[in-house]
Amino acid sequence: MQINRESFATYNHDVRRIRFKFEDLCHQLFANENLSGNKQFMYLHTNPNNHGLETEPIYDETNKRWNGFQAKFFDQDVHYEQIKHSAEKIAEYYTGKDGVVDLVYLFCNKAITSTTK
């Protein structure tokens, strides 16, 4: 089976809701991409008070940078204002501080265009 938006939605409707399953998948993908090359173990700490990110930023030893991610699940249309709001919170909180975020991954269940305002 090929994983795509439709099959993910079909196979993940249960009491925990698809939004949480999507966020779990994003968490796993982010960890695999950014922590698999690290020599020192790092745990992705999820905190509801993270500023625009799903977890605290992590240090990617391979690329020598601090990374974070944001998962956005939309039932209908993409709400670009939510994405912008998260980006503004990240920039406001992490600019000029220790643990600055160098790269942010955005995971979304819908196609995002660069031409939308």
N, C-alpha and C. Protein backbone atom coordinates (compact mmCIF):
# COMPACT_ATOMS: atom_id res chain seq x y z
N MET A 1 0.84 -1.18 0.00
CA MET A 1 0.00 0.00 0.00
C MET A 1 0.88 1.25 0.00
N GLN A 2 0.55 2.18 -0.82
CA GLN A 2 1.25 3.45 -0.87
C GLN A 2 0.58 4.42 0.11
N ILE A 3 1.41 5.12 0.89
CA ILE A 3 0.86 6.10 1.82
C ILE A 3 0.63 7.42 1.09
N ASN A 4 -0.60 7.89 1.13
CA ASN A 4 -0.95 9.21 0.62
C ASN A 4 -2.03 9.77 1.55
N ARG A 5 -2.47 10.96 1.28
CA ARG A 5 -3.44 11.60 2.17
C ARG A 5 -4.72 10.78 2.32
N GLU A 6 -5.21 10.26 1.20
CA GLU A 6 -6.47 9.53 1.24
C GLU A 6 -6.35 8.23 2.02
N SER A 7 -5.28 7.46 1.78
CA SER A 7 -5.15 6.18 2.49
C SER A 7 -4.85 6.42 3.97
N PHE A 8 -4.11 7.46 4.28
CA PHE A 8 -3.84 7.77 5.68
C PHE A 8 -5.15 8.07 6.41
N ALA A 9 -6.00 8.86 5.79
CA ALA A 9 -7.29 9.20 6.40
C ALA A 9 -8.17 7.97 6.55
N THR A 10 -8.16 7.11 5.55
CA THR A 10 -9.00 5.90 5.58
C THR A 10 -8.60 4.97 6.72
N TYR A 11 -7.31 4.77 6.91
CA TYR A 11 -6.84 3.80 7.88
C TYR A 11 -6.61 4.36 9.28
N ASN A 12 -6.87 5.62 9.49
CA ASN A 12 -6.59 6.21 10.80
C ASN A 12 -7.78 6.93 11.42
N HIS A 13 -8.97 6.50 11.10
CA HIS A 13 -10.16 7.06 11.76
C HIS A 13 -10.52 6.16 12.93
N ASP A 14 -10.27 6.62 14.13
CA ASP A 14 -10.65 5.88 15.33
C ASP A 14 -10.89 6.88 16.45
N VAL A 15 -10.97 6.40 17.66
CA VAL A 15 -11.31 7.28 18.78
C VAL A 15 -10.24 8.34 19.05
N ARG A 16 -9.02 8.09 18.62
CA ARG A 16 -7.95 9.05 18.89
C ARG A 16 -7.94 10.20 17.89
N ARG A 17 -8.67 10.09 16.84
CA ARG A 17 -8.82 11.12 15.82
C ARG A 17 -7.61 11.22 14.92
N ILE A 18 -7.89 11.51 13.70
CA ILE A 18 -6.86 11.54 12.66
C ILE A 18 -5.84 12.65 12.89
N ARG A 19 -6.26 13.78 13.45
CA ARG A 19 -5.33 14.89 13.70
C ARG A 19 -4.17 14.45 14.59
N PHE A 20 -4.46 13.71 15.65
CA PHE A 20 -3.41 13.25 16.55
C PHE A 20 -2.52 12.20 15.89
N LYS A 21 -3.13 11.34 15.08
CA LYS A 21 -2.34 10.33 14.35
C LYS A 21 -1.39 11.02 13.37
N PHE A 22 -1.87 12.07 12.72
CA PHE A 22 -1.04 12.82 11.79
C PHE A 22 0.13 13.47 12.53
N GLU A 23 -0.14 14.08 13.68
CA GLU A 23 0.92 14.71 14.46
C GLU A 23 1.93 13.67 14.95
N ASP A 24 1.46 12.48 15.33
CA ASP A 24 2.37 11.40 15.73
C ASP A 24 3.28 11.00 14.57
N LEU A 25 2.71 10.87 13.38
CA LEU A 25 3.49 10.52 12.20
C LEU A 25 4.55 11.58 11.92
N CYS A 26 4.17 12.85 12.00
CA CYS A 26 5.11 13.96 11.77
C CYS A 26 6.24 13.92 12.79
N HIS A 27 5.90 13.65 14.03
CA HIS A 27 6.88 13.55 15.12
C HIS A 27 7.91 12.47 14.78
N GLN A 28 7.44 11.30 14.34
CA GLN A 28 8.33 10.20 13.99
C GLN A 28 9.19 10.52 12.78
N LEU A 29 8.61 11.12 11.76
CA LEU A 29 9.37 11.50 10.57
C LEU A 29 10.45 12.52 10.90
N PHE A 30 10.10 13.51 11.71
CA PHE A 30 11.06 14.54 12.10
C PHE A 30 12.21 13.93 12.89
N ALA A 31 11.90 13.09 13.85
CA ALA A 31 12.94 12.45 14.67
C ALA A 31 13.85 11.60 13.81
N ASN A 32 13.29 10.82 12.91
CA ASN A 32 14.09 9.95 12.05
C ASN A 32 15.02 10.78 11.16
N GLU A 33 14.51 11.84 10.61
CA GLU A 33 15.30 12.68 9.70
C GLU A 33 16.40 13.44 10.42
N ASN A 34 16.16 13.88 11.63
CA ASN A 34 17.08 14.80 12.29
C ASN A 34 17.91 14.20 13.41
N LEU A 35 17.51 13.05 13.92
CA LEU A 35 18.24 12.49 15.05
C LEU A 35 18.97 11.19 14.72
N SER A 36 18.68 10.59 13.58
CA SER A 36 19.26 9.28 13.28
C SER A 36 20.78 9.33 13.15
N GLY A 37 21.36 10.46 12.79
CA GLY A 37 22.81 10.58 12.65
C GLY A 37 23.52 11.07 13.90
N ASN A 38 22.77 11.41 14.95
CA ASN A 38 23.37 11.92 16.18
C ASN A 38 24.04 10.81 16.97
N LYS A 39 25.19 11.12 17.54
CA LYS A 39 25.87 10.18 18.43
C LYS A 39 25.29 10.25 19.84
N GLN A 40 24.91 11.45 20.24
CA GLN A 40 24.32 11.64 21.57
C GLN A 40 22.81 11.53 21.46
N PHE A 41 22.21 10.73 22.35
CA PHE A 41 20.76 10.55 22.34
C PHE A 41 20.06 11.85 22.70
N MET A 42 19.02 12.17 21.96
CA MET A 42 18.18 13.33 22.27
C MET A 42 16.73 12.88 22.25
N TYR A 43 15.97 13.40 23.16
CA TYR A 43 14.55 13.10 23.25
C TYR A 43 13.78 14.31 22.76
N LEU A 44 12.78 14.08 21.92
CA LEU A 44 11.92 15.18 21.48
C LEU A 44 10.91 15.48 22.57
N HIS A 45 11.12 16.60 23.25
CA HIS A 45 10.26 16.97 24.37
C HIS A 45 9.09 17.80 23.86
N THR A 46 7.91 17.24 24.01
CA THR A 46 6.69 17.93 23.61
C THR A 46 6.17 18.72 24.80
N ASN A 47 5.93 19.99 24.55
CA ASN A 47 5.47 20.88 25.59
C ASN A 47 4.40 21.77 24.97
N PRO A 48 3.22 21.85 25.54
CA PRO A 48 2.17 22.68 24.94
C PRO A 48 2.53 24.17 24.90
N ASN A 49 3.57 24.56 25.61
CA ASN A 49 3.97 25.97 25.62
C ASN A 49 5.12 26.27 24.67
N ASN A 50 5.48 25.33 23.79
CA ASN A 50 6.53 25.63 22.81
C ASN A 50 6.04 26.75 21.91
N HIS A 51 6.93 27.61 21.56
CA HIS A 51 6.59 28.81 20.80
C HIS A 51 6.59 28.51 19.31
N GLY A 52 5.44 28.13 18.77
CA GLY A 52 5.29 27.89 17.34
C GLY A 52 5.77 26.54 16.87
N LEU A 53 6.38 25.76 17.73
CA LEU A 53 6.90 24.44 17.36
C LEU A 53 6.15 23.35 18.10
N GLU A 54 6.17 22.15 17.54
CA GLU A 54 5.51 21.01 18.19
C GLU A 54 6.32 20.48 19.35
N THR A 55 7.65 20.58 19.26
CA THR A 55 8.54 20.12 20.32
C THR A 55 9.61 21.19 20.54
N GLU A 56 10.39 21.02 21.57
CA GLU A 56 11.54 21.92 21.73
C GLU A 56 12.50 21.67 20.58
N PRO A 57 13.24 22.69 20.15
CA PRO A 57 14.20 22.49 19.06
C PRO A 57 15.24 21.43 19.44
N ILE A 58 15.70 20.70 18.43
CA ILE A 58 16.73 19.68 18.67
C ILE A 58 17.97 20.03 17.85
N TYR A 59 19.11 19.56 18.32
CA TYR A 59 20.35 19.82 17.61
C TYR A 59 20.66 18.65 16.68
N ASP A 60 20.79 18.94 15.41
CA ASP A 60 21.15 17.96 14.38
C ASP A 60 22.66 17.96 14.26
N GLU A 61 23.32 16.94 14.83
CA GLU A 61 24.78 16.88 14.84
C GLU A 61 25.35 16.76 13.43
N THR A 62 24.66 16.07 12.54
CA THR A 62 25.15 15.86 11.17
C THR A 62 25.29 17.18 10.43
N ASN A 63 24.26 18.03 10.52
CA ASN A 63 24.25 19.30 9.79
C ASN A 63 24.62 20.49 10.67
N LYS A 64 24.87 20.24 11.95
CA LYS A 64 25.28 21.27 12.91
C LYS A 64 24.33 22.47 12.92
N ARG A 65 23.06 22.15 13.19
CA ARG A 65 22.06 23.21 13.27
C ARG A 65 20.92 22.77 14.19
N TRP A 66 20.18 23.77 14.68
CA TRP A 66 19.00 23.55 15.52
C TRP A 66 17.78 23.49 14.62
N ASN A 67 16.98 22.44 14.78
CA ASN A 67 15.80 22.23 13.94
C ASN A 67 14.55 22.10 14.79
N GLY A 68 13.45 22.49 14.19
CA GLY A 68 12.15 22.33 14.82
C GLY A 68 11.13 21.96 13.76
N PHE A 69 9.91 21.66 14.19
CA PHE A 69 8.88 21.35 13.20
C PHE A 69 7.51 21.79 13.70
N GLN A 70 6.65 21.98 12.72
CA GLN A 70 5.27 22.35 12.97
C GLN A 70 4.40 21.41 12.14
N ALA A 71 3.39 20.83 12.75
CA ALA A 71 2.45 19.96 12.04
C ALA A 71 1.10 20.68 11.97
N LYS A 72 0.59 20.80 10.77
CA LYS A 72 -0.70 21.45 10.57
C LYS A 72 -1.64 20.49 9.86
N PHE A 73 -2.76 20.21 10.51
CA PHE A 73 -3.78 19.35 9.92
C PHE A 73 -5.04 20.18 9.73
N PHE A 74 -5.51 20.23 8.50
CA PHE A 74 -6.71 21.00 8.18
C PHE A 74 -7.79 20.08 7.63
N ASP A 75 -9.01 20.22 8.14
CA ASP A 75 -10.12 19.40 7.66
C ASP A 75 -10.56 19.82 6.26
N GLN A 76 -10.52 21.09 5.99
CA GLN A 76 -10.97 21.59 4.69
C GLN A 76 -9.80 22.30 3.99
N ASP A 77 -9.90 23.61 3.87
CA ASP A 77 -8.86 24.39 3.21
C ASP A 77 -7.71 24.69 4.16
N VAL A 78 -6.55 24.97 3.56
CA VAL A 78 -5.38 25.36 4.35
C VAL A 78 -5.64 26.75 4.93
N HIS A 79 -5.39 26.91 6.20
CA HIS A 79 -5.54 28.20 6.86
C HIS A 79 -4.14 28.82 6.96
N TYR A 80 -3.80 29.61 5.98
CA TYR A 80 -2.47 30.19 5.89
C TYR A 80 -2.16 31.11 7.07
N GLU A 81 -3.18 31.71 7.64
CA GLU A 81 -2.96 32.58 8.80
C GLU A 81 -2.42 31.78 9.99
N GLN A 82 -2.85 30.54 10.16
CA GLN A 82 -2.32 29.70 11.24
C GLN A 82 -0.84 29.41 11.03
N ILE A 83 -0.47 29.14 9.79
CA ILE A 83 0.94 28.88 9.46
C ILE A 83 1.77 30.13 9.71
N LYS A 84 1.26 31.26 9.26
CA LYS A 84 1.96 32.53 9.46
C LYS A 84 2.10 32.85 10.94
N HIS A 85 1.04 32.62 11.71
CA HIS A 85 1.08 32.89 13.15
C HIS A 85 2.17 32.04 13.82
N SER A 86 2.26 30.77 13.48
CA SER A 86 3.30 29.90 14.06
C SER A 86 4.68 30.39 13.67
N ALA A 87 4.86 30.78 12.42
CA ALA A 87 6.16 31.28 11.96
C ALA A 87 6.55 32.56 12.71
N GLU A 88 5.59 33.44 12.93
CA GLU A 88 5.86 34.68 13.66
C GLU A 88 6.25 34.39 15.11
N LYS A 89 5.57 33.42 15.75
CA LYS A 89 5.90 33.05 17.12
C LYS A 89 7.32 32.47 17.20
N ILE A 90 7.69 31.65 16.24
CA ILE A 90 9.03 31.07 16.21
C ILE A 90 10.07 32.17 16.07
N ALA A 91 9.86 33.06 15.11
CA ALA A 91 10.82 34.16 14.88
C ALA A 91 10.92 35.07 16.10
N GLU A 92 9.79 35.39 16.69
CA GLU A 92 9.78 36.28 17.85
C GLU A 92 10.50 35.66 19.04
N TYR A 93 10.24 34.41 19.31
CA TYR A 93 10.79 33.78 20.51
C TYR A 93 12.25 33.36 20.35
N TYR A 94 12.62 32.81 19.20
CA TYR A 94 13.94 32.20 19.07
C TYR A 94 15.01 33.12 18.47
N THR A 95 14.65 34.23 17.90
CA THR A 95 15.65 35.13 17.32
C THR A 95 16.52 35.74 18.40
N GLY A 96 17.83 35.57 18.26
CA GLY A 96 18.79 36.16 19.19
C GLY A 96 18.92 35.45 20.52
N LYS A 97 18.37 34.25 20.66
CA LYS A 97 18.45 33.52 21.92
C LYS A 97 19.29 32.27 21.75
N ASP A 98 19.73 31.72 22.86
CA ASP A 98 20.39 30.42 22.82
C ASP A 98 19.40 29.40 22.28
N GLY A 99 19.90 28.45 21.53
CA GLY A 99 19.01 27.45 20.95
C GLY A 99 18.20 28.01 19.80
N VAL A 100 18.78 28.99 19.10
CA VAL A 100 18.11 29.59 17.95
C VAL A 100 17.71 28.47 16.98
N VAL A 101 16.61 28.62 16.33
CA VAL A 101 16.14 27.63 15.36
C VAL A 101 16.66 28.03 13.99
N ASP A 102 17.45 27.13 13.39
CA ASP A 102 18.03 27.39 12.08
C ASP A 102 17.13 26.91 10.94
N LEU A 103 16.34 25.86 11.21
CA LEU A 103 15.50 25.26 10.18
C LEU A 103 14.21 24.76 10.80
N VAL A 104 13.10 25.05 10.14
CA VAL A 104 11.80 24.57 10.61
C VAL A 104 11.15 23.77 9.49
N TYR A 105 10.77 22.54 9.82
CA TYR A 105 10.02 21.70 8.89
C TYR A 105 8.54 21.98 9.10
N LEU A 106 7.81 22.09 8.01
CA LEU A 106 6.36 22.26 8.08
C LEU A 106 5.72 21.03 7.45
N PHE A 107 4.99 20.28 8.26
CA PHE A 107 4.24 19.13 7.78
C PHE A 107 2.78 19.54 7.68
N CYS A 108 2.16 19.27 6.54
CA CYS A 108 0.76 19.63 6.35
C CYS A 108 0.06 18.52 5.58
N ASN A 109 -1.19 18.26 5.92
CA ASN A 109 -1.94 17.22 5.23
C ASN A 109 -2.56 17.70 3.92
N LYS A 110 -2.40 18.96 3.60
CA LYS A 110 -2.94 19.52 2.36
C LYS A 110 -1.80 20.14 1.56
N ALA A 111 -2.03 20.28 0.27
CA ALA A 111 -1.04 20.93 -0.59
C ALA A 111 -0.96 22.41 -0.23
N ILE A 112 0.25 22.93 -0.14
CA ILE A 112 0.48 24.34 0.18
C ILE A 112 1.10 25.00 -1.04
N THR A 113 0.59 26.17 -1.39
CA THR A 113 1.14 26.88 -2.54
C THR A 113 1.93 28.09 -2.09
N SER A 114 2.92 28.46 -2.87
CA SER A 114 3.74 29.61 -2.53
C SER A 114 3.13 30.91 -3.04
N THR A 115 2.08 30.83 -3.81
CA THR A 115 1.47 32.04 -4.39
C THR A 115 0.29 32.55 -3.56
N THR A 116 -0.15 31.80 -2.57
CA THR A 116 -1.26 32.25 -1.75
C THR A 116 -0.79 33.29 -0.75
N LYS A 117 -1.60 34.32 -0.56
CA LYS A 117 -1.22 35.39 0.37
C LYS A 117 -1.51 34.97 1.78
